[in-house]
Amino acid sequence: MTTLTNAPLAPLLTRLFKEAEAATSPAAAMYSSDDRARMVRSKTEYLDFYGNLKDLWLAVSPETGTLLYMLARSTGARVVIEFGTSFGISTLYLAAALRDNGGGRLITTEFEPSKVMRAKANLREGGLIDLVEIREGDALQTLSADLPETIDLLLLDGAKALYPEILSLVESRLRPGALVIADNADFSPEYLERVRSPDGGYMSTPFGDDVELSVRLG
């Protein structure tokens, strides 16, 4: 029996995934597939793009969420950093792992105020809010200071173009053996080149259809 498979979290996640599947965003029609691909990769247009799509859930899949829980649990993670809270689904999976590891601290960051409010409500309903600090604002600022001395796991699931910059902000605090999980990393070739480089300090491999899994070597 785990926090993940029991009430209140299990029924909450079931409901949230149903809501995410049913949700629509009128603003999404503003962008063609080519526009989306360009703006996702842009280091200058991401705030406008994600701001216009603030009603979209942009949630991890249930499979990826379960993977996050398993990785955090199996490594005994106690300190987790998350880039890109959205409505807090991935945050719930990671916080559940911390609970089952005996406690810890999860710092997550989200620049859209309405999503911060919803994520906090979901974390309260899931009984996990005490483990989580949500920093509101651009992650280039919110993660630039006041980080824990040692980080066990980093999840990158925000603006894809910023993956290299966010990694640089926290890299010095990643312990040897720390995991870095990047969702939809194919949209950030610069990031993939860095973590896959033989001299980059990581061992990295694609995992599943849309996750890049890396381990900090030293």
C-alpha atoms as a PDB file:
ATOM      1  CA  MET A   1       0.000   0.000   0.000  1.00  0.00           C
ATOM      2  CA  THR A   2       1.386   3.395  -0.964  1.00  0.00           C
ATOM      3  CA  THR A   3       0.317   7.023  -0.848  1.00  0.00           C
ATOM      4  CA  LEU A   4      -0.049   6.819  -4.619  1.00  0.00           C
ATOM      5  CA  THR A   5      -2.572   3.974  -4.590  1.00  0.00           C
ATOM      6  CA  ASN A   6      -4.672   5.062  -1.611  1.00  0.00           C
ATOM      7  CA  ALA A   7      -7.216   7.793  -0.905  1.00  0.00           C
ATOM      8  CA  PRO A   8      -7.171  10.708  -1.083  1.00  0.00           C
ATOM      9  CA  LEU A   9      -4.538  10.733  -3.835  1.00  0.00           C
ATOM     10  CA  ALA A  10      -5.609   7.835  -6.052  1.00  0.00           C
ATOM     11  CA  PRO A  11      -9.181   9.063  -6.697  1.00  0.00           C
ATOM     12  CA  LEU A  12      -7.907  12.630  -7.061  1.00  0.00           C
ATOM     13  CA  LEU A  13      -5.495  11.625  -9.830  1.00  0.00           C
ATOM     14  CA  THR A  14      -8.203   9.643 -11.599  1.00  0.00           C
ATOM     15  CA  ARG A  15     -10.441  12.706 -11.599  1.00  0.00           C
ATOM     16  CA  LEU A  16      -7.693  15.085 -12.670  1.00  0.00           C
ATOM     17  CA  PHE A  17      -6.708  12.965 -15.649  1.00  0.00           C
ATOM     18  CA  LYS A  18     -10.356  12.837 -16.742  1.00  0.00           C
ATOM     19  CA  GLU A  19     -10.575  16.622 -16.446  1.00  0.00           C
ATOM     20  CA  ALA A  20      -7.348  17.040 -18.393  1.00  0.00           C
ATOM     21  CA  GLU A  21      -8.587  14.779 -21.170  1.00  0.00           C
ATOM     22  CA  ALA A  22     -11.852  16.703 -21.461  1.00  0.00           C
ATOM     23  CA  ALA A  23     -10.333  20.178 -21.211  1.00  0.00           C
ATOM     24  CA  THR A  24     -10.143  22.490 -24.216  1.00  0.00           C
ATOM     25  CA  SER A  25      -8.436  25.832 -24.766  1.00  0.00           C
ATOM     26  CA  PRO A  26      -9.919  28.290 -27.299  1.00  0.00           C
ATOM     27  CA  ALA A  27      -6.512  29.974 -27.473  1.00  0.00           C
ATOM     28  CA  ALA A  28      -4.976  26.806 -28.876  1.00  0.00           C
ATOM     29  CA  ALA A  29      -6.628  27.561 -32.213  1.00  0.00           C
ATOM     30  CA  MET A  30      -4.382  30.625 -32.496  1.00  0.00           C
ATOM     31  CA  TYR A  31      -1.411  28.446 -33.332  1.00  0.00           C
ATOM     32  CA  SER A  32      -0.692  26.112 -36.216  1.00  0.00           C
ATOM     33  CA  SER A  33       1.407  23.022 -35.543  1.00  0.00           C
ATOM     34  CA  ASP A  34       4.398  24.827 -37.061  1.00  0.00           C
ATOM     35  CA  ASP A  35       3.792  27.850 -34.816  1.00  0.00           C
ATOM     36  CA  ARG A  36       3.648  25.635 -31.747  1.00  0.00           C
ATOM     37  CA  ALA A  37       6.869  23.853 -32.647  1.00  0.00           C
ATOM     38  CA  ARG A  38       8.656  27.167 -33.239  1.00  0.00           C
ATOM     39  CA  MET A  39       7.457  28.825 -30.040  1.00  0.00           C
ATOM     40  CA  VAL A  40       8.131  25.789 -27.872  1.00  0.00           C
ATOM     41  CA  ARG A  41      11.749  25.944 -29.035  1.00  0.00           C
ATOM     42  CA  SER A  42      12.036  29.726 -28.647  1.00  0.00           C
ATOM     43  CA  LYS A  43      13.997  31.284 -25.777  1.00  0.00           C
ATOM     44  CA  THR A  44      12.153  34.609 -26.216  1.00  0.00           C
ATOM     45  CA  GLU A  45       8.527  33.754 -27.037  1.00  0.00           C
ATOM     46  CA  TYR A  46       7.802  31.084 -24.451  1.00  0.00           C
ATOM     47  CA  LEU A  47       6.151  33.387 -21.896  1.00  0.00           C
ATOM     48  CA  ASP A  48       3.577  34.680 -24.389  1.00  0.00           C
ATOM     49  CA  PHE A  49       2.999  31.190 -25.770  1.00  0.00           C
ATOM     50  CA  TYR A  50       2.420  29.455 -22.453  1.00  0.00           C
ATOM     51  CA  GLY A  51       0.553  32.459 -21.085  1.00  0.00           C
ATOM     52  CA  ASN A  52      -1.950  32.266 -23.946  1.00  0.00           C
ATOM     53  CA  LEU A  53      -2.368  28.558 -23.293  1.00  0.00           C
ATOM     54  CA  LYS A  54      -2.870  28.931 -19.551  1.00  0.00           C
ATOM     55  CA  ASP A  55      -6.052  26.834 -19.674  1.00  0.00           C
ATOM     56  CA  LEU A  56      -4.254  23.840 -21.167  1.00  0.00           C
ATOM     57  CA  TRP A  57      -3.296  21.202 -18.637  1.00  0.00           C
ATOM     58  CA  LEU A  58       0.035  20.193 -20.235  1.00  0.00           C
ATOM     59  CA  ALA A  59       0.034  17.244 -17.839  1.00  0.00           C
ATOM     60  CA  VAL A  60       2.325  14.239 -17.808  1.00  0.00           C
ATOM     61  CA  SER A  61       0.711  10.944 -18.781  1.00  0.00           C
ATOM     62  CA  PRO A  62      -0.300   8.469 -16.059  1.00  0.00           C
ATOM     63  CA  GLU A  63       2.581   6.266 -17.205  1.00  0.00           C
ATOM     64  CA  THR A  64       5.103   9.076 -16.886  1.00  0.00           C
ATOM     65  CA  GLY A  65       3.658  10.035 -13.515  1.00  0.00           C
ATOM     66  CA  THR A  66       4.079   6.477 -12.272  1.00  0.00           C
ATOM     67  CA  LEU A  67       7.632   6.468 -13.600  1.00  0.00           C
ATOM     68  CA  LEU A  68       8.369   9.656 -11.650  1.00  0.00           C
ATOM     69  CA  TYR A  69       7.046   8.085  -8.474  1.00  0.00           C
ATOM     70  CA  MET A  70       9.056   4.895  -9.008  1.00  0.00           C
ATOM     71  CA  LEU A  71      12.295   6.735  -9.735  1.00  0.00           C
ATOM     72  CA  ALA A  72      11.954   9.015  -6.730  1.00  0.00           C
ATOM     73  CA  ARG A  73      11.041   6.082  -4.488  1.00  0.00           C
ATOM     74  CA  SER A  74      13.750   3.734  -5.706  1.00  0.00           C
ATOM     75  CA  THR A  75      16.482   6.332  -5.193  1.00  0.00           C
ATOM     76  CA  GLY A  76      15.207   7.353  -1.772  1.00  0.00           C
ATOM     77  CA  ALA A  77      14.878  10.951  -2.932  1.00  0.00           C
ATOM     78  CA  ARG A  78      14.348  13.537  -0.219  1.00  0.00           C
ATOM     79  CA  VAL A  79      14.955  16.772  -2.161  1.00  0.00           C
ATOM     80  CA  VAL A  80      13.288  17.328  -5.545  1.00  0.00           C
ATOM     81  CA  ILE A  81      13.212  20.324  -7.898  1.00  0.00           C
ATOM     82  CA  GLU A  82      10.491  20.594 -10.553  1.00  0.00           C
ATOM     83  CA  PHE A  83      10.471  23.057 -13.439  1.00  0.00           C
ATOM     84  CA  GLY A  84       6.879  23.496 -14.635  1.00  0.00           C
ATOM     85  CA  THR A  85       4.109  22.861 -12.104  1.00  0.00           C
ATOM     86  CA  SER A  86       1.091  23.453 -14.363  1.00  0.00           C
ATOM     87  CA  PHE A  87      -1.921  22.075 -12.449  1.00  0.00           C
ATOM     88  CA  GLY A  88       0.291  19.941 -10.237  1.00  0.00           C
ATOM     89  CA  ILE A  89      -0.220  16.401 -11.521  1.00  0.00           C
ATOM     90  CA  SER A  90       3.487  15.578 -11.773  1.00  0.00           C
ATOM     91  CA  THR A  91       3.971  17.398  -8.471  1.00  0.00           C
ATOM     92  CA  LEU A  92       1.489  15.046  -6.817  1.00  0.00           C
ATOM     93  CA  TYR A  93       3.388  11.971  -8.029  1.00  0.00           C
ATOM     94  CA  LEU A  94       6.723  13.313  -6.808  1.00  0.00           C
ATOM     95  CA  ALA A  95       5.329  14.475  -3.468  1.00  0.00           C
ATOM     96  CA  ALA A  96       3.734  11.051  -2.948  1.00  0.00           C
ATOM     97  CA  ALA A  97       7.170   9.482  -3.371  1.00  0.00           C
ATOM     98  CA  LEU A  98       8.635  11.867  -0.825  1.00  0.00           C
ATOM     99  CA  ARG A  99       5.872  10.978   1.618  1.00  0.00           C
ATOM    100  CA  ASP A 100       6.570   7.284   1.179  1.00  0.00           C
ATOM    101  CA  ASN A 101      10.314   7.894   1.490  1.00  0.00           C
ATOM    102  CA  GLY A 102       9.683   9.310   4.937  1.00  0.00           C
ATOM    103  CA  GLY A 103       9.400  12.989   4.069  1.00  0.00           C
ATOM    104  CA  GLY A 104      11.356  15.604   2.196  1.00  0.00           C
ATOM    105  CA  ARG A 105      11.108  18.840   0.261  1.00  0.00           C
ATOM    106  CA  LEU A 106       9.831  19.527  -3.239  1.00  0.00           C
ATOM    107  CA  ILE A 107      10.412  22.946  -4.804  1.00  0.00           C
ATOM    108  CA  THR A 108       8.381  23.528  -7.941  1.00  0.00           C
ATOM    109  CA  THR A 109       7.966  26.641 -10.057  1.00  0.00           C
ATOM    110  CA  GLU A 110       5.169  28.001 -12.274  1.00  0.00           C
ATOM    111  CA  PHE A 111       4.793  31.456 -13.818  1.00  0.00           C
ATOM    112  CA  GLU A 112       1.013  31.370 -14.444  1.00  0.00           C
ATOM    113  CA  PRO A 113      -0.822  32.527 -11.256  1.00  0.00           C
ATOM    114  CA  SER A 114      -4.066  30.691 -12.045  1.00  0.00           C
ATOM    115  CA  LYS A 115      -2.180  27.422 -12.362  1.00  0.00           C
ATOM    116  CA  VAL A 116      -0.375  28.041  -9.079  1.00  0.00           C
ATOM    117  CA  MET A 117      -3.728  28.448  -7.331  1.00  0.00           C
ATOM    118  CA  ARG A 118      -5.105  25.262  -8.871  1.00  0.00           C
ATOM    119  CA  ALA A 119      -1.959  23.277  -8.108  1.00  0.00           C
ATOM    120  CA  LYS A 120      -2.074  24.345  -4.461  1.00  0.00           C
ATOM    121  CA  ALA A 121      -5.712  23.265  -4.236  1.00  0.00           C
ATOM    122  CA  ASN A 122      -4.873  19.868  -5.737  1.00  0.00           C
ATOM    123  CA  LEU A 123      -1.959  19.383  -3.351  1.00  0.00           C
ATOM    124  CA  ARG A 124      -4.150  20.250  -0.387  1.00  0.00           C
ATOM    125  CA  GLU A 125      -6.805  17.802  -1.557  1.00  0.00           C
ATOM    126  CA  GLY A 126      -4.165  15.131  -2.019  1.00  0.00           C
ATOM    127  CA  GLY A 127      -2.807  15.694   1.482  1.00  0.00           C
ATOM    128  CA  LEU A 128       0.666  16.603   0.212  1.00  0.00           C
ATOM    129  CA  ILE A 129       0.843  20.396   0.433  1.00  0.00           C
ATOM    130  CA  ASP A 130       3.117  20.250   3.494  1.00  0.00           C
ATOM    131  CA  LEU A 131       5.920  18.763   1.377  1.00  0.00           C
ATOM    132  CA  VAL A 132       5.764  21.287  -1.454  1.00  0.00           C
ATOM    133  CA  GLU A 133       6.931  24.868  -1.979  1.00  0.00           C
ATOM    134  CA  ILE A 134       5.515  26.464  -5.148  1.00  0.00           C
ATOM    135  CA  ARG A 135       7.516  29.428  -6.410  1.00  0.00           C
ATOM    136  CA  GLU A 136       5.487  31.703  -8.658  1.00  0.00           C
ATOM    137  CA  GLY A 137       7.264  33.445 -11.526  1.00  0.00           C
ATOM    138  CA  ASP A 138       9.800  32.862 -14.269  1.00  0.00           C
ATOM    139  CA  ALA A 139      11.980  29.903 -13.299  1.00  0.00           C
ATOM    140  CA  LEU A 140      15.097  31.741 -14.460  1.00  0.00           C
ATOM    141  CA  GLN A 141      14.514  33.932 -11.396  1.00  0.00           C
ATOM    142  CA  THR A 142      12.706  31.615  -8.975  1.00  0.00           C
ATOM    143  CA  LEU A 143      15.368  28.904  -9.226  1.00  0.00           C
ATOM    144  CA  SER A 144      18.342  31.254  -9.254  1.00  0.00           C
ATOM    145  CA  ALA A 145      18.642  31.437  -5.455  1.00  0.00           C
ATOM    146  CA  ASP A 146      17.700  29.748  -2.168  1.00  0.00           C
ATOM    147  CA  LEU A 147      18.106  26.191  -3.394  1.00  0.00           C
ATOM    148  CA  PRO A 148      18.898  23.250  -1.110  1.00  0.00           C
ATOM    149  CA  GLU A 149      22.552  22.294  -0.796  1.00  0.00           C
ATOM    150  CA  THR A 150      21.926  18.856  -2.281  1.00  0.00           C
ATOM    151  CA  ILE A 151      19.330  17.834  -4.865  1.00  0.00           C
ATOM    152  CA  ASP A 152      18.361  14.214  -5.481  1.00  0.00           C
ATOM    153  CA  LEU A 153      16.058  14.574  -8.482  1.00  0.00           C
ATOM    154  CA  LEU A 154      15.296  17.264 -11.059  1.00  0.00           C
ATOM    155  CA  LEU A 155      12.213  17.190 -13.287  1.00  0.00           C
ATOM    156  CA  LEU A 156      12.238  19.411 -16.366  1.00  0.00           C
ATOM    157  CA  ASP A 157       8.696  19.863 -17.667  1.00  0.00           C
ATOM    158  CA  GLY A 158       8.337  23.569 -18.406  1.00  0.00           C
ATOM    159  CA  ALA A 159       9.350  25.648 -21.415  1.00  0.00           C
ATOM    160  CA  LYS A 160      11.499  23.246 -23.424  1.00  0.00           C
ATOM    161  CA  ALA A 161      13.870  25.898 -24.737  1.00  0.00           C
ATOM    162  CA  LEU A 162      14.939  26.673 -21.168  1.00  0.00           C
ATOM    163  CA  TYR A 163      16.009  23.146 -20.229  1.00  0.00           C
ATOM    164  CA  PRO A 164      19.755  23.928 -20.582  1.00  0.00           C
ATOM    165  CA  GLU A 165      19.428  27.143 -18.570  1.00  0.00           C
ATOM    166  CA  ILE A 166      17.464  25.488 -15.765  1.00  0.00           C
ATOM    167  CA  LEU A 167      19.954  22.632 -15.621  1.00  0.00           C
ATOM    168  CA  SER A 168      22.764  25.176 -15.289  1.00  0.00           C
ATOM    169  CA  LEU A 169      20.998  26.860 -12.360  1.00  0.00           C
ATOM    170  CA  VAL A 170      20.797  23.674 -10.280  1.00  0.00           C
ATOM    171  CA  GLU A 171      23.643  21.564 -11.643  1.00  0.00           C
ATOM    172  CA  SER A 172      26.189  22.394  -8.942  1.00  0.00           C
ATOM    173  CA  ARG A 173      23.777  21.056  -6.316  1.00  0.00           C
ATOM    174  CA  LEU A 174      22.937  17.775  -8.022  1.00  0.00           C
ATOM    175  CA  ARG A 175      24.534  15.019  -5.977  1.00  0.00           C
ATOM    176  CA  PRO A 176      26.457  12.240  -7.738  1.00  0.00           C
ATOM    177  CA  GLY A 177      23.790   9.756  -8.814  1.00  0.00           C
ATOM    178  CA  ALA A 178      21.053  12.375  -8.925  1.00  0.00           C
ATOM    179  CA  LEU A 179      18.431  11.836 -11.613  1.00  0.00           C
ATOM    180  CA  VAL A 180      17.377  14.387 -14.199  1.00  0.00           C
ATOM    181  CA  ILE A 181      14.121  13.628 -16.001  1.00  0.00           C
ATOM    182  CA  ALA A 182      13.232  15.778 -19.007  1.00  0.00           C
ATOM    183  CA  ASP A 183       9.765  15.485 -20.515  1.00  0.00           C
ATOM    184  CA  ASN A 184       9.458  16.127 -24.270  1.00  0.00           C
ATOM    185  CA  ALA A 185      13.200  16.770 -24.448  1.00  0.00           C
ATOM    186  CA  ASP A 186      13.160  16.293 -28.236  1.00  0.00           C
ATOM    187  CA  PHE A 187      12.030  19.927 -28.390  1.00  0.00           C
ATOM    188  CA  SER A 188      15.371  20.970 -26.868  1.00  0.00           C
ATOM    189  CA  PRO A 189      18.219  19.676 -29.050  1.00  0.00           C
ATOM    190  CA  GLU A 190      20.687  21.849 -27.131  1.00  0.00           C
ATOM    191  CA  TYR A 191      19.732  20.087 -23.898  1.00  0.00           C
ATOM    192  CA  LEU A 192      20.014  16.621 -25.430  1.00  0.00           C
ATOM    193  CA  GLU A 193      23.423  17.411 -26.875  1.00  0.00           C
ATOM    194  CA  ARG A 194      24.604  18.501 -23.445  1.00  0.00           C
ATOM    195  CA  VAL A 195      23.429  15.539 -21.371  1.00  0.00           C
ATOM    196  CA  ARG A 196      24.397  12.990 -24.042  1.00  0.00           C
ATOM    197  CA  SER A 197      27.907  14.372 -24.513  1.00  0.00           C
ATOM    198  CA  PRO A 198      30.602  11.934 -23.304  1.00  0.00           C
ATOM    199  CA  ASP A 199      32.238  14.838 -21.463  1.00  0.00           C
ATOM    200  CA  GLY A 200      29.038  16.398 -20.132  1.00  0.00           C
ATOM    201  CA  GLY A 201      29.029  14.725 -16.725  1.00  0.00           C
ATOM    202  CA  TYR A 202      25.894  12.646 -17.311  1.00  0.00           C
ATOM    203  CA  MET A 203      24.838   9.254 -18.547  1.00  0.00           C
ATOM    204  CA  SER A 204      21.651   9.757 -20.519  1.00  0.00           C
ATOM    205  CA  THR A 205      19.203   7.766 -22.590  1.00  0.00           C
ATOM    206  CA  PRO A 206      15.732   8.169 -24.103  1.00  0.00           C
ATOM    207  CA  PHE A 207      13.102   6.387 -22.026  1.00  0.00           C
ATOM    208  CA  GLY A 208       9.719   5.588 -23.521  1.00  0.00           C
ATOM    209  CA  ASP A 209       8.275   7.883 -26.154  1.00  0.00           C
ATOM    210  CA  ASP A 210       8.902  11.291 -24.649  1.00  0.00           C
ATOM    211  CA  VAL A 211      11.269  11.183 -21.651  1.00  0.00           C
ATOM    212  CA  GLU A 212      15.027  11.675 -21.449  1.00  0.00           C
ATOM    213  CA  LEU A 213      16.468  10.039 -18.339  1.00  0.00           C
ATOM    214  CA  SER A 214      19.896  11.175 -17.140  1.00  0.00           C
ATOM    215  CA  VAL A 215      22.043  10.442 -14.121  1.00  0.00           C
ATOM    216  CA  ARG A 216      24.626  12.875 -12.731  1.00  0.00           C
ATOM    217  CA  LEU A 217      28.012  11.166 -12.689  1.00  0.00           C
ATOM    218  CA  GLY A 218      29.899  13.548 -10.448  1.00  0.00           C
END
